[in-house]
Amino acid sequence: MSIERMPNPAILIPEAMQALIAVNHAVQGCGVDGKLLALSHLRASQINGCSPCVAGGAQQLRMHGATDEQVDTVAAWRETPWFSDEERAALALTEAVTRLADRPDAVPDEVWDMAAKYFDQRELAGLLLNIAVTNAFNRLNAPTRQQARGSRQAAGR
């Protein structure tokens, strides 16, 4: 386990944290189900290796009614039967937006079109903002080595 290098930068600059929280609150009113937002948050955080966001995202996902199978297999969502087509569209969009540099066409039409099939423009805006804010938190937490909080027993250790 790594030692934290410093507190989260957004905590050191409270106005920045307030702005990030304000965007999060706005996203919650965009019409996208909280479970989908939590699912997207968890997947982006897994990709980015952000331990506090993975731990918090899993907890959030459970609070929004996700099954244990869903929480346990988010990283392998393509190979499992536990996600709806709408959830799969959100997960594919989340992965593409989080990994922008991995391909010449950052978000291929097939990924965008599938998401647009399930979400209107306001919902897509909310989903994209959710992905962006998650990535912002991940990019603040990972380089400063922020740690997940909670008991080892609760984490299954």
C-alpha atoms as a PDB file:
ATOM      1  CA  MET A   1       0.000   0.000   0.000  1.00  0.00           C
ATOM      2  CA  SER A   2       1.304   3.423  -0.935  1.00  0.00           C
ATOM      3  CA  ILE A   3       1.481   6.369   1.421  1.00  0.00           C
ATOM      4  CA  GLU A   4      -0.557   9.452   0.550  1.00  0.00           C
ATOM      5  CA  ARG A   5       1.646  12.189  -0.855  1.00  0.00           C
ATOM      6  CA  MET A   6      -0.601  15.065   0.160  1.00  0.00           C
ATOM      7  CA  PRO A   7      -4.283  15.751   0.766  1.00  0.00           C
ATOM      8  CA  ASN A   8      -6.584  15.795  -2.232  1.00  0.00           C
ATOM      9  CA  PRO A   9      -5.857  19.080  -4.083  1.00  0.00           C
ATOM     10  CA  ALA A  10      -9.549  19.988  -4.168  1.00  0.00           C
ATOM     11  CA  ILE A  11      -9.609  19.858  -0.382  1.00  0.00           C
ATOM     12  CA  LEU A  12      -6.647  22.243  -0.240  1.00  0.00           C
ATOM     13  CA  ILE A  13      -8.498  24.623  -2.574  1.00  0.00           C
ATOM     14  CA  PRO A  14     -12.047  24.549  -1.162  1.00  0.00           C
ATOM     15  CA  GLU A  15     -13.486  26.638  -4.010  1.00  0.00           C
ATOM     16  CA  ALA A  16     -12.438  23.876  -6.411  1.00  0.00           C
ATOM     17  CA  MET A  17     -14.151  21.218  -4.299  1.00  0.00           C
ATOM     18  CA  GLN A  18     -17.304  23.338  -4.139  1.00  0.00           C
ATOM     19  CA  ALA A  19     -17.314  23.616  -7.937  1.00  0.00           C
ATOM     20  CA  LEU A  20     -16.864  19.857  -8.408  1.00  0.00           C
ATOM     21  CA  ILE A  21     -19.640  19.153  -5.905  1.00  0.00           C
ATOM     22  CA  ALA A  22     -21.895  21.664  -7.669  1.00  0.00           C
ATOM     23  CA  VAL A  23     -21.401  19.852 -10.987  1.00  0.00           C
ATOM     24  CA  ASN A  24     -22.177  16.546  -9.250  1.00  0.00           C
ATOM     25  CA  HIS A  25     -25.414  17.990  -7.854  1.00  0.00           C
ATOM     26  CA  ALA A  26     -26.398  19.326 -11.270  1.00  0.00           C
ATOM     27  CA  VAL A  27     -25.782  15.911 -12.834  1.00  0.00           C
ATOM     28  CA  GLN A  28     -28.078  14.259 -10.303  1.00  0.00           C
ATOM     29  CA  GLY A  29     -30.950  16.324 -11.706  1.00  0.00           C
ATOM     30  CA  CYS A  30     -30.370  15.478 -15.371  1.00  0.00           C
ATOM     31  CA  GLY A  31     -32.799  12.565 -15.514  1.00  0.00           C
ATOM     32  CA  VAL A  32     -30.274   9.699 -15.532  1.00  0.00           C
ATOM     33  CA  ASP A  33     -31.004   7.038 -12.927  1.00  0.00           C
ATOM     34  CA  GLY A  34     -28.669   7.176  -9.915  1.00  0.00           C
ATOM     35  CA  LYS A  35     -27.751   3.531 -10.401  1.00  0.00           C
ATOM     36  CA  LEU A  36     -26.481   4.262 -13.922  1.00  0.00           C
ATOM     37  CA  LEU A  37     -24.471   7.244 -12.687  1.00  0.00           C
ATOM     38  CA  ALA A  38     -22.925   5.120  -9.929  1.00  0.00           C
ATOM     39  CA  LEU A  39     -22.190   2.325 -12.402  1.00  0.00           C
ATOM     40  CA  SER A  40     -20.435   4.777 -14.708  1.00  0.00           C
ATOM     41  CA  HIS A  41     -18.511   6.296 -11.794  1.00  0.00           C
ATOM     42  CA  LEU A  42     -17.328   2.887 -10.617  1.00  0.00           C
ATOM     43  CA  ARG A  43     -16.193   1.772 -14.076  1.00  0.00           C
ATOM     44  CA  ALA A  44     -14.216   4.947 -14.803  1.00  0.00           C
ATOM     45  CA  SER A  45     -12.621   4.742 -11.349  1.00  0.00           C
ATOM     46  CA  GLN A  46     -11.635   1.101 -11.923  1.00  0.00           C
ATOM     47  CA  ILE A  47      -9.969   2.037 -15.207  1.00  0.00           C
ATOM     48  CA  ASN A  48      -8.072   4.863 -13.534  1.00  0.00           C
ATOM     49  CA  GLY A  49      -7.079   2.846 -10.458  1.00  0.00           C
ATOM     50  CA  CYS A  50      -8.581   5.327  -8.002  1.00  0.00           C
ATOM     51  CA  SER A  51      -9.047   3.343  -4.783  1.00  0.00           C
ATOM     52  CA  PRO A  52     -11.253   5.833  -2.875  1.00  0.00           C
ATOM     53  CA  CYS A  53     -13.519   6.270  -5.895  1.00  0.00           C
ATOM     54  CA  VAL A  54     -13.727   2.511  -6.532  1.00  0.00           C
ATOM     55  CA  ALA A  55     -14.650   1.886  -2.890  1.00  0.00           C
ATOM     56  CA  GLY A  56     -17.128   4.757  -2.835  1.00  0.00           C
ATOM     57  CA  GLY A  57     -18.541   3.840  -6.247  1.00  0.00           C
ATOM     58  CA  ALA A  58     -19.206   0.243  -5.190  1.00  0.00           C
ATOM     59  CA  GLN A  59     -20.943   1.471  -2.053  1.00  0.00           C
ATOM     60  CA  GLN A  60     -22.994   3.984  -4.067  1.00  0.00           C
ATOM     61  CA  LEU A  61     -23.956   1.324  -6.575  1.00  0.00           C
ATOM     62  CA  ARG A  62     -25.220  -0.948  -3.806  1.00  0.00           C
ATOM     63  CA  MET A  63     -27.199   1.926  -2.276  1.00  0.00           C
ATOM     64  CA  HIS A  64     -28.911   2.384  -5.659  1.00  0.00           C
ATOM     65  CA  GLY A  65     -30.040  -1.248  -5.721  1.00  0.00           C
ATOM     66  CA  ALA A  66     -27.362  -2.985  -7.766  1.00  0.00           C
ATOM     67  CA  THR A  67     -27.027  -6.698  -7.163  1.00  0.00           C
ATOM     68  CA  ASP A  68     -23.842  -8.199  -5.740  1.00  0.00           C
ATOM     69  CA  GLU A  69     -23.263  -9.821  -9.147  1.00  0.00           C
ATOM     70  CA  GLN A  70     -23.365  -6.430 -10.837  1.00  0.00           C
ATOM     71  CA  VAL A  71     -21.028  -4.757  -8.342  1.00  0.00           C
ATOM     72  CA  ASP A  72     -18.620  -7.686  -8.424  1.00  0.00           C
ATOM     73  CA  THR A  73     -18.409  -7.864 -12.228  1.00  0.00           C
ATOM     74  CA  VAL A  74     -18.453  -4.257 -13.444  1.00  0.00           C
ATOM     75  CA  ALA A  75     -14.913  -4.628 -14.795  1.00  0.00           C
ATOM     76  CA  ALA A  76     -16.054  -7.627 -16.881  1.00  0.00           C
ATOM     77  CA  TRP A  77     -19.488  -6.297 -17.867  1.00  0.00           C
ATOM     78  CA  ARG A  78     -19.195  -7.477 -21.484  1.00  0.00           C
ATOM     79  CA  GLU A  79     -18.793 -11.101 -20.365  1.00  0.00           C
ATOM     80  CA  THR A  80     -21.651 -11.230 -17.856  1.00  0.00           C
ATOM     81  CA  PRO A  81     -25.444 -11.468 -18.163  1.00  0.00           C
ATOM     82  CA  TRP A  82     -26.225  -9.041 -15.323  1.00  0.00           C
ATOM     83  CA  PHE A  83     -26.381  -5.721 -17.179  1.00  0.00           C
ATOM     84  CA  SER A  84     -29.212  -4.317 -19.259  1.00  0.00           C
ATOM     85  CA  ASP A  85     -28.668  -2.911 -22.752  1.00  0.00           C
ATOM     86  CA  GLU A  86     -29.042   0.606 -21.323  1.00  0.00           C
ATOM     87  CA  GLU A  87     -26.395  -0.108 -18.672  1.00  0.00           C
ATOM     88  CA  ARG A  88     -24.105  -1.596 -21.320  1.00  0.00           C
ATOM     89  CA  ALA A  89     -24.485   1.549 -23.429  1.00  0.00           C
ATOM     90  CA  ALA A  90     -23.551   3.723 -20.438  1.00  0.00           C
ATOM     91  CA  LEU A  91     -20.579   1.502 -19.600  1.00  0.00           C
ATOM     92  CA  ALA A  92     -19.286   1.524 -23.191  1.00  0.00           C
ATOM     93  CA  LEU A  93     -19.555   5.315 -23.310  1.00  0.00           C
ATOM     94  CA  THR A  94     -17.823   5.587 -19.936  1.00  0.00           C
ATOM     95  CA  GLU A  95     -14.919   3.454 -21.096  1.00  0.00           C
ATOM     96  CA  ALA A  96     -14.519   5.344 -24.384  1.00  0.00           C
ATOM     97  CA  VAL A  97     -14.621   8.774 -22.726  1.00  0.00           C
ATOM     98  CA  THR A  98     -12.244   7.680 -19.965  1.00  0.00           C
ATOM     99  CA  ARG A  99      -9.776   6.224 -22.487  1.00  0.00           C
ATOM    100  CA  LEU A 100      -9.860   9.042 -25.052  1.00  0.00           C
ATOM    101  CA  ALA A 101      -6.305   8.497 -26.274  1.00  0.00           C
ATOM    102  CA  ASP A 102      -6.645   4.754 -26.863  1.00  0.00           C
ATOM    103  CA  ARG A 103      -7.986   5.043 -30.415  1.00  0.00           C
ATOM    104  CA  PRO A 104      -7.968   7.553 -33.274  1.00  0.00           C
ATOM    105  CA  ASP A 105     -11.742   8.063 -33.014  1.00  0.00           C
ATOM    106  CA  ALA A 106     -12.002   8.579 -29.249  1.00  0.00           C
ATOM    107  CA  VAL A 107     -15.717   7.762 -29.083  1.00  0.00           C
ATOM    108  CA  PRO A 108     -16.665   5.676 -32.133  1.00  0.00           C
ATOM    109  CA  ASP A 109     -20.057   6.242 -33.746  1.00  0.00           C
ATOM    110  CA  GLU A 110     -21.244   2.780 -32.675  1.00  0.00           C
ATOM    111  CA  VAL A 111     -20.616   3.641 -29.009  1.00  0.00           C
ATOM    112  CA  TRP A 112     -22.199   7.083 -29.333  1.00  0.00           C
ATOM    113  CA  ASP A 113     -25.193   5.801 -31.320  1.00  0.00           C
ATOM    114  CA  MET A 114     -25.886   3.066 -28.776  1.00  0.00           C
ATOM    115  CA  ALA A 115     -25.830   5.598 -25.943  1.00  0.00           C
ATOM    116  CA  ALA A 116     -28.048   7.989 -27.947  1.00  0.00           C
ATOM    117  CA  LYS A 117     -30.531   5.142 -28.413  1.00  0.00           C
ATOM    118  CA  TYR A 118     -31.129   5.017 -24.646  1.00  0.00           C
ATOM    119  CA  PHE A 119     -30.466   8.590 -23.524  1.00  0.00           C
ATOM    120  CA  ASP A 120     -31.789  11.922 -24.804  1.00  0.00           C
ATOM    121  CA  GLN A 121     -29.422  14.889 -25.180  1.00  0.00           C
ATOM    122  CA  ARG A 122     -29.962  16.162 -21.633  1.00  0.00           C
ATOM    123  CA  GLU A 123     -29.310  12.677 -20.220  1.00  0.00           C
ATOM    124  CA  LEU A 124     -26.239  12.271 -22.442  1.00  0.00           C
ATOM    125  CA  ALA A 125     -25.003  15.629 -21.159  1.00  0.00           C
ATOM    126  CA  GLY A 126     -25.497  14.430 -17.595  1.00  0.00           C
ATOM    127  CA  LEU A 127     -23.761  11.141 -18.278  1.00  0.00           C
ATOM    128  CA  LEU A 128     -20.816  12.905 -19.953  1.00  0.00           C
ATOM    129  CA  LEU A 129     -20.513  15.373 -17.071  1.00  0.00           C
ATOM    130  CA  ASN A 130     -20.631  12.466 -14.612  1.00  0.00           C
ATOM    131  CA  ILE A 131     -17.794  10.760 -16.490  1.00  0.00           C
ATOM    132  CA  ALA A 132     -15.803  14.013 -16.637  1.00  0.00           C
ATOM    133  CA  VAL A 133     -16.179  14.756 -12.919  1.00  0.00           C
ATOM    134  CA  THR A 134     -15.316  11.167 -12.033  1.00  0.00           C
ATOM    135  CA  ASN A 135     -12.191  11.385 -14.167  1.00  0.00           C
ATOM    136  CA  ALA A 136     -11.322  14.717 -12.520  1.00  0.00           C
ATOM    137  CA  PHE A 137     -11.558  13.178  -9.046  1.00  0.00           C
ATOM    138  CA  ASN A 138      -9.589  10.123 -10.234  1.00  0.00           C
ATOM    139  CA  ARG A 139      -6.875  12.378 -11.625  1.00  0.00           C
ATOM    140  CA  LEU A 140      -6.622  14.252  -8.341  1.00  0.00           C
ATOM    141  CA  ASN A 141      -6.672  11.138  -6.154  1.00  0.00           C
ATOM    142  CA  ALA A 142      -4.380   8.776  -8.071  1.00  0.00           C
ATOM    143  CA  PRO A 143      -1.237  10.947  -8.345  1.00  0.00           C
ATOM    144  CA  THR A 144      -1.521  12.044  -4.718  1.00  0.00           C
ATOM    145  CA  ARG A 145      -2.086   8.407  -3.689  1.00  0.00           C
ATOM    146  CA  GLN A 146      -5.344   8.968  -1.855  1.00  0.00           C
ATOM    147  CA  GLN A 147      -6.440   5.858   0.024  1.00  0.00           C
ATOM    148  CA  ALA A 148      -9.821   4.189   0.265  1.00  0.00           C
ATOM    149  CA  ARG A 149     -11.277   4.583   3.732  1.00  0.00           C
ATOM    150  CA  GLY A 150     -13.131   2.004   5.758  1.00  0.00           C
ATOM    151  CA  SER A 151     -12.492  -1.117   7.708  1.00  0.00           C
ATOM    152  CA  ARG A 152     -10.474  -4.016   6.340  1.00  0.00           C
ATOM    153  CA  GLN A 153     -13.223  -6.332   7.506  1.00  0.00           C
ATOM    154  CA  ALA A 154     -15.783  -4.486   5.379  1.00  0.00           C
ATOM    155  CA  ALA A 155     -13.434  -4.812   2.406  1.00  0.00           C
ATOM    156  CA  GLY A 156     -13.313  -8.572   2.828  1.00  0.00           C
ATOM    157  CA  ARG A 157      -9.824  -8.780   4.356  1.00  0.00           C
END
